[in-house]
């Protein structure tokens, strides 16, 4: 039964694997929104779609919609990386 109690705790953590930064364990929090927003800011976003996703994510985080904001910021990061790969490749 103790394994059943730990399950919600494990499910509430979000595990991200990034090849350049190793393993990171995060929670869906305003602090993580800020960290993602900072990462997006460091990128030179050339895609209009990625830029729009980033702005929407920042707005959602700022208005307390953390989960939705994080999802948009992650999508912005992916879209930006895909755009860079198309340009480089």
C-alpha atoms as a PDB file:
ATOM      1  CA  UNK A   1       0.000   0.000   0.000  1.00  0.00           C
ATOM      2  CA  UNK A   2       2.921   2.394   0.597  1.00  0.00           C
ATOM      3  CA  UNK A   3       3.749   2.212  -3.118  1.00  0.00           C
ATOM      4  CA  UNK A   4       0.286   3.560  -3.867  1.00  0.00           C
ATOM      5  CA  UNK A   5       0.935   6.622  -1.691  1.00  0.00           C
ATOM      6  CA  UNK A   6       4.169   7.464  -3.516  1.00  0.00           C
ATOM      7  CA  UNK A   7       2.511   7.247  -6.926  1.00  0.00           C
ATOM      8  CA  UNK A   8       0.876  10.722  -6.845  1.00  0.00           C
ATOM      9  CA  UNK A   9       4.163  12.260  -5.736  1.00  0.00           C
ATOM     10  CA  UNK A  10       6.022  10.580  -8.582  1.00  0.00           C
ATOM     11  CA  UNK A  11       3.358  11.574 -11.077  1.00  0.00           C
ATOM     12  CA  UNK A  12       3.457  15.175  -9.929  1.00  0.00           C
ATOM     13  CA  UNK A  13       7.118  15.478 -10.853  1.00  0.00           C
ATOM     14  CA  UNK A  14       8.030  16.227 -14.392  1.00  0.00           C
ATOM     15  CA  UNK A  15      11.230  14.675 -15.703  1.00  0.00           C
ATOM     16  CA  UNK A  16      12.931  16.324 -18.629  1.00  0.00           C
ATOM     17  CA  UNK A  17      15.893  14.927 -20.481  1.00  0.00           C
ATOM     18  CA  UNK A  18      18.039  17.386 -22.358  1.00  0.00           C
ATOM     19  CA  UNK A  19      21.165  16.191 -24.128  1.00  0.00           C
ATOM     20  CA  UNK A  20      23.109  19.359 -23.371  1.00  0.00           C
ATOM     21  CA  UNK A  21      22.134  19.763 -19.723  1.00  0.00           C
ATOM     22  CA  UNK A  22      21.566  16.215 -18.468  1.00  0.00           C
ATOM     23  CA  UNK A  23      18.620  15.149 -16.362  1.00  0.00           C
ATOM     24  CA  UNK A  24      16.462  17.759 -14.639  1.00  0.00           C
ATOM     25  CA  UNK A  25      13.516  17.112 -12.346  1.00  0.00           C
ATOM     26  CA  UNK A  26      11.073  19.967 -12.096  1.00  0.00           C
ATOM     27  CA  UNK A  27       7.611  20.729 -10.832  1.00  0.00           C
ATOM     28  CA  UNK A  28       5.004  22.789 -12.577  1.00  0.00           C
ATOM     29  CA  UNK A  29       5.582  26.054 -10.745  1.00  0.00           C
ATOM     30  CA  UNK A  30       5.903  29.760 -11.386  1.00  0.00           C
ATOM     31  CA  UNK A  31       9.663  29.387 -10.889  1.00  0.00           C
ATOM     32  CA  UNK A  32       9.834  26.823 -13.681  1.00  0.00           C
ATOM     33  CA  UNK A  33       7.788  29.160 -15.894  1.00  0.00           C
ATOM     34  CA  UNK A  34      10.397  31.844 -15.269  1.00  0.00           C
ATOM     35  CA  UNK A  35      13.251  29.433 -16.018  1.00  0.00           C
ATOM     36  CA  UNK A  36      11.676  28.356 -19.314  1.00  0.00           C
ATOM     37  CA  UNK A  37      10.953  31.951 -20.218  1.00  0.00           C
ATOM     38  CA  UNK A  38      14.608  32.783 -19.602  1.00  0.00           C
ATOM     39  CA  UNK A  39      15.727  29.878 -21.814  1.00  0.00           C
ATOM     40  CA  UNK A  40      13.415  31.084 -24.575  1.00  0.00           C
ATOM     41  CA  UNK A  41      14.797  34.611 -24.222  1.00  0.00           C
ATOM     42  CA  UNK A  42      18.345  33.323 -24.730  1.00  0.00           C
ATOM     43  CA  UNK A  43      17.380  31.798 -28.076  1.00  0.00           C
ATOM     44  CA  UNK A  44      17.306  33.851 -31.195  1.00  0.00           C
ATOM     45  CA  UNK A  45      13.814  32.937 -32.289  1.00  0.00           C
ATOM     46  CA  UNK A  46      13.435  33.349 -36.028  1.00  0.00           C
ATOM     47  CA  UNK A  47      10.119  31.558 -36.380  1.00  0.00           C
ATOM     48  CA  UNK A  48       6.928  33.600 -36.075  1.00  0.00           C
ATOM     49  CA  UNK A  49       5.145  30.531 -34.711  1.00  0.00           C
ATOM     50  CA  UNK A  50       7.777  29.993 -31.989  1.00  0.00           C
ATOM     51  CA  UNK A  51       7.706  33.684 -31.102  1.00  0.00           C
ATOM     52  CA  UNK A  52       3.913  33.654 -30.778  1.00  0.00           C
ATOM     53  CA  UNK A  53       4.039  30.512 -28.617  1.00  0.00           C
ATOM     54  CA  UNK A  54       6.661  32.101 -26.366  1.00  0.00           C
ATOM     55  CA  UNK A  55       4.637  35.271 -25.885  1.00  0.00           C
ATOM     56  CA  UNK A  56       1.473  33.295 -25.159  1.00  0.00           C
ATOM     57  CA  UNK A  57       3.377  31.119 -22.674  1.00  0.00           C
ATOM     58  CA  UNK A  58       4.754  34.148 -20.861  1.00  0.00           C
ATOM     59  CA  UNK A  59       1.302  35.724 -20.714  1.00  0.00           C
ATOM     60  CA  UNK A  60      -0.251  32.540 -19.343  1.00  0.00           C
ATOM     61  CA  UNK A  61       2.458  32.198 -16.684  1.00  0.00           C
ATOM     62  CA  UNK A  62       2.062  35.843 -15.694  1.00  0.00           C
ATOM     63  CA  UNK A  63      -1.681  35.415 -15.221  1.00  0.00           C
ATOM     64  CA  UNK A  64      -1.320  32.295 -13.074  1.00  0.00           C
ATOM     65  CA  UNK A  65      -2.010  29.654 -15.729  1.00  0.00           C
ATOM     66  CA  UNK A  66       1.251  27.863 -15.016  1.00  0.00           C
ATOM     67  CA  UNK A  67       0.567  24.482 -16.632  1.00  0.00           C
ATOM     68  CA  UNK A  68      -0.669  26.022 -19.874  1.00  0.00           C
ATOM     69  CA  UNK A  69       2.157  28.561 -19.862  1.00  0.00           C
ATOM     70  CA  UNK A  70       4.778  25.857 -19.407  1.00  0.00           C
ATOM     71  CA  UNK A  71       3.260  23.846 -22.254  1.00  0.00           C
ATOM     72  CA  UNK A  72       3.389  26.857 -24.594  1.00  0.00           C
ATOM     73  CA  UNK A  73       6.964  27.739 -23.608  1.00  0.00           C
ATOM     74  CA  UNK A  74       8.075  24.152 -24.223  1.00  0.00           C
ATOM     75  CA  UNK A  75       6.392  24.188 -27.606  1.00  0.00           C
ATOM     76  CA  UNK A  76       8.170  27.457 -28.389  1.00  0.00           C
ATOM     77  CA  UNK A  77      11.525  25.866 -27.520  1.00  0.00           C
ATOM     78  CA  UNK A  78      10.790  22.857 -29.744  1.00  0.00           C
ATOM     79  CA  UNK A  79       9.557  25.019 -32.611  1.00  0.00           C
ATOM     80  CA  UNK A  80      12.630  27.223 -32.387  1.00  0.00           C
ATOM     81  CA  UNK A  81      14.973  24.233 -32.428  1.00  0.00           C
ATOM     82  CA  UNK A  82      13.133  22.718 -35.402  1.00  0.00           C
ATOM     83  CA  UNK A  83      13.389  26.005 -37.295  1.00  0.00           C
ATOM     84  CA  UNK A  84      17.124  26.180 -36.534  1.00  0.00           C
ATOM     85  CA  UNK A  85      17.579  22.596 -37.755  1.00  0.00           C
ATOM     86  CA  UNK A  86      15.794  23.387 -41.036  1.00  0.00           C
ATOM     87  CA  UNK A  87      18.009  26.433 -41.572  1.00  0.00           C
ATOM     88  CA  UNK A  88      21.222  24.559 -40.709  1.00  0.00           C
ATOM     89  CA  UNK A  89      20.322  21.419 -42.633  1.00  0.00           C
END
